[in-house]
Amino acid sequence: METTIEAGSPRDFQPVATALFKAYLGSERDLVLADALDELIDNADHGRKSDGVRVGRLAEGKMLVLVGLSGAGKTRALERVFAAQAELKDWDVLDADSPLVSTKAPSPCTLKQLGIDLLGKLGYPLKRDLKEHVVWNLVRERLQLRQVRYLHIDELQHVITNATTKEAQKIRNTMKGLVQRPEWPISLILSGTPEIAAFLEEDTQTKRRCLVVRFDSLDVEADAEWFGVRLKRLVEQKAGLDVGGDAGTFAARVIHAAERQYGTAIEFVQDAALAALREGSRALEIRHFARVYKLRTGCADDMNVFTSRDWRDIRVGTALQHALSSSPSTLVQKKPRLERRK
């Protein structure tokens, strides 16, 4: 069925835009993540079915660690694999008694602040100031009371970035305490940027309990073809637009514009398709990408990844700084002071 969008009213294309932004384009890395989650859950199941005899491997939780740069698509990928697991049913529904609780660490965040945030997620918001160890005693009690077996902490780097060596070890010890607790072991799912790698590897006991999945950056040349296929599928199936050009060529520029991060690259495609829908176009053109890139970065016209001949040489991360430093019009002009009348 062909989708026809007339220009003029945003309401005309709202259902199409909603479908476009809800779409998820998986890749091979999602399968790796799903396999790792399966292993985490299997390990937890074996621990629950243990007869309590202390022989062989102890019945304790593990830590699934997902690492990738900002924009790699970690959070969305985790949401998808959580939703696909019958074991984690209703994980995102408030007060649904799911065995999984997920929280995003605020920035900046101390160990105590993380515990207070978790208590809120566990239905026990604190109304008074308590010491750190008391907060975490309550967290452990509430996890068991709510029958929570899996705990996801997103943006873990916010907890460790400003931590001293002593504080970092206290954070690791707290996490180990959760997975090792004999009466109620917790399986941790930790996601964050590469800063968390050193934090985990500096402690042998922590490292040996980890299952690690990396979301690596894309390669402009090597990944352009398969990403182009996904780009074309998303635009045609969800937005009802033709791709007005070579999808592979679009894809290479999109990957570079997104600083090689898969999640950000998908956002560029979605935003460009929305720009095409807004103007009533029947095809997604390079100009739609150029418009979105300029709006997102504030780049100078001659430094737009989607119009420049030398787009591979453009430093995407400093596009706004470059534009400001090279444009005289951005200099602040002081107004002449008026003389005060005597």
Protein backbone atom coordinates (compact mmCIF):
# COMPACT_ATOMS: atom_id res chain seq x y z
CA MET A 1 0.00 0.00 0.00
CA GLU A 2 1.48 3.34 -1.02
CA THR A 3 1.72 6.04 1.61
CA THR A 4 0.85 9.51 0.35
CA ILE A 5 1.68 12.51 2.46
CA GLU A 6 0.53 15.98 1.50
CA ALA A 7 2.57 18.97 2.57
CA GLY A 8 1.10 21.57 4.87
CA SER A 9 -0.18 19.89 8.01
CA PRO A 10 2.00 17.93 10.44
CA ARG A 11 -1.11 16.00 11.54
CA ASP A 12 -1.34 14.39 8.12
CA PHE A 13 1.81 12.33 8.64
CA GLN A 14 1.70 11.87 12.41
CA PRO A 15 0.81 8.12 12.31
CA VAL A 16 3.62 7.51 9.81
CA ALA A 17 6.08 9.53 11.89
CA THR A 18 5.11 7.54 14.99
CA ALA A 19 5.72 4.24 13.20
CA LEU A 20 9.03 5.57 11.89
CA PHE A 21 10.32 6.52 15.34
CA LYS A 22 9.10 3.32 16.99
CA ALA A 23 10.91 1.16 14.43
CA TYR A 24 13.94 -0.80 15.55
CA LEU A 25 16.57 -2.03 13.13
CA GLY A 26 18.47 -4.88 14.69
CA SER A 27 21.86 -6.23 13.68
CA GLU A 28 24.16 -9.14 14.48
CA ARG A 29 25.21 -7.50 17.72
CA ASP A 30 21.65 -7.88 19.04
CA LEU A 31 22.02 -11.64 18.72
CA VAL A 32 25.26 -11.54 20.70
CA LEU A 33 23.56 -9.49 23.40
CA ALA A 34 20.55 -11.83 23.51
CA ASP A 35 22.86 -14.85 23.87
CA ALA A 36 24.70 -13.19 26.76
CA LEU A 37 21.41 -12.39 28.49
CA ASP A 38 20.31 -16.01 28.04
CA GLU A 39 23.51 -17.14 29.73
CA LEU A 40 22.97 -14.71 32.60
CA ILE A 41 19.42 -16.00 33.12
CA ASP A 42 20.51 -19.65 32.86
CA ASN A 43 23.16 -19.01 35.51
CA ALA A 44 20.54 -17.45 37.79
CA ASP A 45 18.19 -20.39 37.22
CA HIS A 46 20.90 -22.89 38.18
CA GLY A 47 21.54 -20.92 41.34
CA ARG A 48 17.88 -20.96 42.34
CA LYS A 49 17.62 -24.73 41.76
CA SER A 50 20.75 -25.44 43.82
CA ASP A 51 20.19 -27.87 46.69
CA GLY A 52 22.32 -25.69 48.91
CA VAL A 53 25.29 -28.09 49.02
CA ARG A 54 28.52 -26.07 48.84
CA VAL A 55 30.40 -28.07 46.23
CA GLY A 56 31.70 -26.98 42.82
CA ARG A 57 30.73 -23.48 41.70
CA LEU A 58 28.84 -21.41 44.24
CA ALA A 59 25.28 -20.34 43.54
CA GLU A 60 25.72 -16.63 42.87
CA GLY A 61 24.82 -14.06 40.29
CA LYS A 62 26.90 -12.80 37.40
CA MET A 63 27.36 -9.41 35.79
CA LEU A 64 26.42 -8.79 32.15
CA VAL A 65 28.36 -5.74 30.97
CA LEU A 66 27.43 -3.85 27.79
CA VAL A 67 30.04 -1.31 26.68
CA GLY A 68 29.86 1.19 23.84
CA LEU A 69 30.34 4.86 23.08
CA SER A 70 27.52 7.33 23.56
CA GLY A 71 25.06 6.92 20.67
CA ALA A 72 25.93 3.27 20.04
CA GLY A 73 22.35 2.23 20.80
CA LYS A 74 22.98 0.32 24.04
CA THR A 75 19.84 1.35 25.90
CA ARG A 76 17.46 0.63 23.03
CA ALA A 77 19.09 -2.74 22.35
CA LEU A 78 18.75 -3.74 26.00
CA GLU A 79 15.11 -2.71 26.02
CA ARG A 80 14.50 -4.99 23.05
CA VAL A 81 16.20 -8.05 24.53
CA PHE A 82 14.46 -7.48 27.87
CA ALA A 83 11.07 -7.38 26.13
CA ALA A 84 11.84 -10.60 24.23
CA GLN A 85 12.54 -12.55 27.43
CA ALA A 86 9.54 -14.30 28.97
CA GLU A 87 11.52 -14.47 32.20
CA LEU A 88 11.55 -10.65 32.39
CA LYS A 89 7.87 -10.07 31.61
CA ASP A 90 6.55 -6.53 32.30
CA TRP A 91 10.02 -5.31 33.29
CA ASP A 92 9.09 -1.74 32.25
CA VAL A 93 5.64 -1.67 33.89
CA LEU A 94 5.43 0.19 37.19
CA ASP A 95 4.54 -2.06 40.16
CA ALA A 96 4.27 -5.13 37.90
CA ASP A 97 6.39 -7.28 40.21
CA SER A 98 8.87 -8.08 37.44
CA PRO A 99 12.08 -9.89 38.42
CA LEU A 100 14.00 -7.09 36.65
CA VAL A 101 14.42 -3.53 37.87
CA SER A 102 16.15 -1.01 35.61
CA THR A 103 17.52 2.40 36.57
CA LYS A 104 19.68 5.05 34.93
CA ALA A 105 22.37 6.53 37.14
CA PRO A 106 22.00 10.32 37.34
CA SER A 107 24.98 12.52 36.57
CA PRO A 108 26.95 13.04 38.70
CA CYS A 109 26.15 10.19 41.05
CA THR A 110 27.60 8.79 44.25
CA LEU A 111 27.10 5.27 45.56
CA LYS A 112 24.64 6.61 48.14
CA GLN A 113 22.67 8.54 45.49
CA LEU A 114 22.47 5.39 43.36
CA GLY A 115 21.09 3.46 46.33
CA ILE A 116 18.48 6.15 47.02
CA ASP A 117 17.44 6.10 43.36
CA LEU A 118 17.10 2.30 43.47
CA LEU A 119 14.94 2.47 46.58
CA GLY A 120 12.58 4.75 44.69
CA LYS A 121 12.40 2.25 41.83
CA LEU A 122 11.69 -0.47 44.39
CA GLY A 123 8.72 1.42 45.80
CA TYR A 124 10.48 2.72 48.89
CA PRO A 125 11.25 6.42 48.38
CA LEU A 126 13.34 7.85 51.21
CA LYS A 127 11.95 10.84 53.08
CA ARG A 128 14.89 11.23 55.45
CA ASP A 129 18.67 11.32 55.17
CA LEU A 130 20.34 8.00 55.97
CA LYS A 131 23.94 6.85 55.97
CA GLU A 132 25.24 5.09 52.89
CA HIS A 133 25.50 1.62 54.44
CA VAL A 134 21.93 1.90 55.78
CA VAL A 135 20.66 2.86 52.32
CA TRP A 136 22.27 -0.22 50.77
CA ASN A 137 21.00 -2.50 53.52
CA LEU A 138 17.52 -1.29 52.59
CA VAL A 139 18.24 -1.87 48.90
CA ARG A 140 19.19 -5.50 49.56
CA GLU A 141 16.12 -6.02 51.74
CA ARG A 142 13.77 -4.50 49.16
CA LEU A 143 15.28 -6.51 46.31
CA GLN A 144 14.49 -9.71 48.19
CA LEU A 145 11.08 -8.50 49.37
CA ARG A 146 10.09 -7.59 45.81
CA GLN A 147 11.50 -10.89 44.47
CA VAL A 148 13.84 -9.00 42.14
CA ARG A 149 16.54 -11.22 40.61
CA TYR A 150 18.00 -8.92 37.97
CA LEU A 151 19.18 -5.34 38.38
CA HIS A 152 20.08 -3.14 35.41
CA ILE A 153 22.15 0.01 36.00
CA ASP A 154 22.46 2.18 32.89
CA GLU A 155 25.10 4.91 32.47
CA LEU A 156 27.34 3.29 35.07
CA GLN A 157 30.14 5.72 34.20
CA HIS A 158 28.21 8.45 36.05
CA VAL A 159 28.80 6.56 39.31
CA ILE A 160 32.53 6.05 38.85
CA THR A 161 33.79 9.09 36.92
CA ASN A 162 34.59 11.24 39.96
CA ALA A 163 35.17 8.38 42.41
CA THR A 164 38.50 8.15 44.22
CA THR A 165 40.39 4.85 44.21
CA LYS A 166 38.92 4.03 47.62
CA GLU A 167 35.39 4.95 46.54
CA ALA A 168 35.69 2.92 43.32
CA GLN A 169 36.62 -0.17 45.32
CA LYS A 170 33.65 0.43 47.62
CA ILE A 171 31.37 0.52 44.56
CA ARG A 172 32.85 -2.75 43.27
CA ASN A 173 32.49 -4.34 46.72
CA THR A 174 28.84 -3.28 46.87
CA MET A 175 28.16 -4.90 43.49
CA LYS A 176 30.01 -8.07 44.49
CA GLY A 177 27.96 -8.12 47.68
CA LEU A 178 24.77 -8.18 45.62
CA VAL A 179 25.80 -11.08 43.38
CA GLN A 180 27.37 -13.07 46.25
CA ARG A 181 24.56 -12.70 48.79
CA PRO A 182 23.76 -16.32 49.74
CA GLU A 183 20.11 -15.82 50.67
CA TRP A 184 19.24 -13.73 47.61
CA PRO A 185 21.92 -13.37 44.87
CA ILE A 186 21.29 -10.68 42.26
CA SER A 187 22.38 -10.84 38.61
CA LEU A 188 23.63 -7.42 37.52
CA ILE A 189 23.29 -5.89 34.04
CA LEU A 190 25.64 -2.93 33.70
CA SER A 191 25.75 -0.65 30.66
CA GLY A 192 27.91 2.36 29.98
CA THR A 193 30.69 3.99 28.01
CA PRO A 194 34.25 2.59 27.78
CA GLU A 195 35.27 4.37 31.00
CA ILE A 196 33.78 1.46 32.91
CA ALA A 197 36.30 -1.00 31.44
CA ALA A 198 39.16 -0.03 33.76
CA PHE A 199 36.76 0.09 36.71
CA LEU A 200 35.79 -3.54 36.15
CA GLU A 201 39.23 -4.89 35.20
CA GLU A 202 41.07 -3.40 38.18
CA ASP A 203 39.48 -6.00 40.45
CA THR A 204 40.00 -9.69 39.63
CA GLN A 205 36.97 -10.85 41.60
CA THR A 206 34.73 -8.44 39.73
CA LYS A 207 36.24 -9.24 36.33
CA ARG A 208 35.80 -13.00 36.61
CA ARG A 209 32.08 -12.60 37.23
CA CYS A 210 31.52 -10.56 34.05
CA LEU A 211 29.97 -11.49 30.72
CA VAL A 212 31.06 -8.72 28.35
CA VAL A 213 29.39 -7.49 25.15
CA ARG A 214 30.93 -4.66 23.12
CA PHE A 215 29.00 -2.41 20.76
CA ASP A 216 31.87 -1.34 18.52
CA SER A 217 31.85 1.75 16.33
CA LEU A 218 30.85 1.35 12.69
CA ASP A 219 33.33 1.59 9.83
CA VAL A 220 32.49 4.11 7.11
CA GLU A 221 33.64 1.88 4.27
CA ALA A 222 33.13 -1.68 5.54
CA ASP A 223 29.65 -1.12 7.02
CA ALA A 224 28.14 1.19 4.41
CA GLU A 225 26.59 -1.59 2.31
CA TRP A 226 24.68 -3.44 5.03
CA PHE A 227 23.68 -0.21 6.76
CA GLY A 228 22.42 1.07 3.40
CA VAL A 229 20.13 -1.96 3.16
CA ARG A 230 18.67 -1.16 6.60
CA LEU A 231 18.35 2.53 5.72
CA LYS A 232 16.38 1.69 2.59
CA ARG A 233 14.14 -0.78 4.43
CA LEU A 234 13.35 1.69 7.20
CA VAL A 235 12.54 4.55 4.84
CA GLU A 236 10.43 2.52 2.43
CA GLN A 237 8.54 0.34 4.90
CA LYS A 238 7.96 2.79 7.74
CA ALA A 239 7.88 6.18 6.01
CA GLY A 240 6.51 5.15 2.62
CA LEU A 241 9.28 7.08 0.86
CA ASP A 242 11.51 6.14 -2.04
CA VAL A 243 15.24 6.53 -1.60
CA GLY A 244 16.22 9.19 -4.12
CA GLY A 245 19.77 8.03 -4.71
CA ASP A 246 22.18 5.25 -3.88
CA ALA A 247 21.44 3.97 -0.37
CA GLY A 248 25.05 2.84 0.08
CA THR A 249 26.34 6.35 -0.67
CA PHE A 250 23.85 7.83 1.76
CA ALA A 251 24.86 5.26 4.37
CA ALA A 252 28.58 6.06 4.26
CA ARG A 253 27.89 9.75 4.88
CA VAL A 254 25.34 8.96 7.61
CA ILE A 255 27.86 6.75 9.43
CA HIS A 256 30.47 9.51 9.33
CA ALA A 257 27.96 12.17 10.39
CA ALA A 258 26.91 9.99 13.33
CA GLU A 259 30.54 9.68 14.46
CA ARG A 260 30.28 5.98 13.56
CA GLN A 261 27.66 5.19 16.21
CA TYR A 262 24.80 2.92 15.13
CA GLY A 263 22.10 4.41 17.34
CA THR A 264 22.89 7.97 16.25
CA ALA A 265 23.00 6.88 12.60
CA ILE A 266 19.46 5.49 12.86
CA GLU A 267 18.33 8.79 14.40
CA PHE A 268 19.79 10.67 11.41
CA VAL A 269 17.78 8.48 9.02
CA GLN A 270 14.59 8.95 11.03
CA ASP A 271 15.02 12.73 11.23
CA ALA A 272 15.84 13.03 7.53
CA ALA A 273 12.77 10.95 6.61
CA LEU A 274 10.64 13.16 8.84
CA ALA A 275 12.03 16.25 7.08
CA ALA A 276 11.01 14.73 3.75
CA LEU A 277 7.52 13.97 5.08
CA ARG A 278 7.11 17.51 6.39
CA GLU A 279 7.67 19.03 2.97
CA GLY A 280 5.43 16.48 1.23
CA SER A 281 8.25 14.84 -0.69
CA ARG A 282 7.80 11.32 -2.06
CA ALA A 283 11.50 10.52 -1.85
CA LEU A 284 14.28 10.86 0.69
CA GLU A 285 17.02 12.98 -0.85
CA ILE A 286 20.53 13.95 0.21
CA ARG A 287 19.26 17.49 0.89
CA HIS A 288 17.06 16.18 3.69
CA PHE A 289 20.09 14.69 5.38
CA ALA A 290 22.01 17.93 4.84
CA ARG A 291 19.23 19.93 6.50
CA VAL A 292 19.13 17.63 9.52
CA TYR A 293 22.92 17.62 9.87
CA LYS A 294 23.12 21.42 9.82
CA LEU A 295 20.36 21.70 12.42
CA ARG A 296 21.99 19.09 14.68
CA THR A 297 25.53 20.48 14.50
CA GLY A 298 25.28 24.15 13.52
CA CYS A 299 27.95 23.52 10.89
CA ALA A 300 29.06 26.01 8.26
CA ASP A 301 27.56 25.43 4.79
CA ASP A 302 30.88 24.35 3.30
CA MET A 303 31.45 21.83 6.12
CA ASN A 304 28.24 19.85 5.75
CA VAL A 305 28.96 16.11 5.52
CA PHE A 306 26.10 15.64 3.05
CA THR A 307 27.09 18.35 0.57
CA SER A 308 30.87 18.63 0.83
CA ARG A 309 33.06 16.82 -1.71
CA ASP A 310 35.68 16.20 1.00
CA TRP A 311 33.18 15.00 3.61
CA ARG A 312 35.51 12.27 4.92
CA ASP A 313 37.93 14.98 6.15
CA ILE A 314 35.29 16.84 8.15
CA ARG A 315 35.67 16.61 11.94
CA VAL A 316 32.08 16.05 12.92
CA GLY A 317 32.59 16.40 16.66
CA THR A 318 33.77 20.02 16.40
CA ALA A 319 31.45 21.26 13.66
CA LEU A 320 29.94 24.06 15.76
CA GLN A 321 33.29 25.25 17.11
CA HIS A 322 34.65 25.40 13.57
CA ALA A 323 31.64 27.37 12.37
CA LEU A 324 31.89 29.86 15.24
CA SER A 325 35.63 30.38 14.86
CA SER A 326 35.40 31.01 11.12
CA SER A 327 32.34 33.27 11.08
CA PRO A 328 32.88 37.00 11.77
CA SER A 329 29.13 37.43 12.26
CA THR A 330 29.30 35.48 15.51
CA LEU A 331 31.58 38.00 17.20
CA VAL A 332 29.82 39.96 19.92
CA GLN A 333 29.65 43.63 19.06
CA LYS A 334 29.63 45.95 22.05
CA LYS A 335 27.09 48.72 21.83
CA PRO A 336 28.51 52.24 22.19
CA ARG A 337 27.92 53.72 25.62
CA LEU A 338 25.62 56.69 25.70
CA GLU A 339 26.93 59.77 27.42
CA ARG A 340 25.04 60.61 30.54
CA ARG A 341 23.36 64.00 30.42
CA LYS A 342 24.65 66.47 32.95
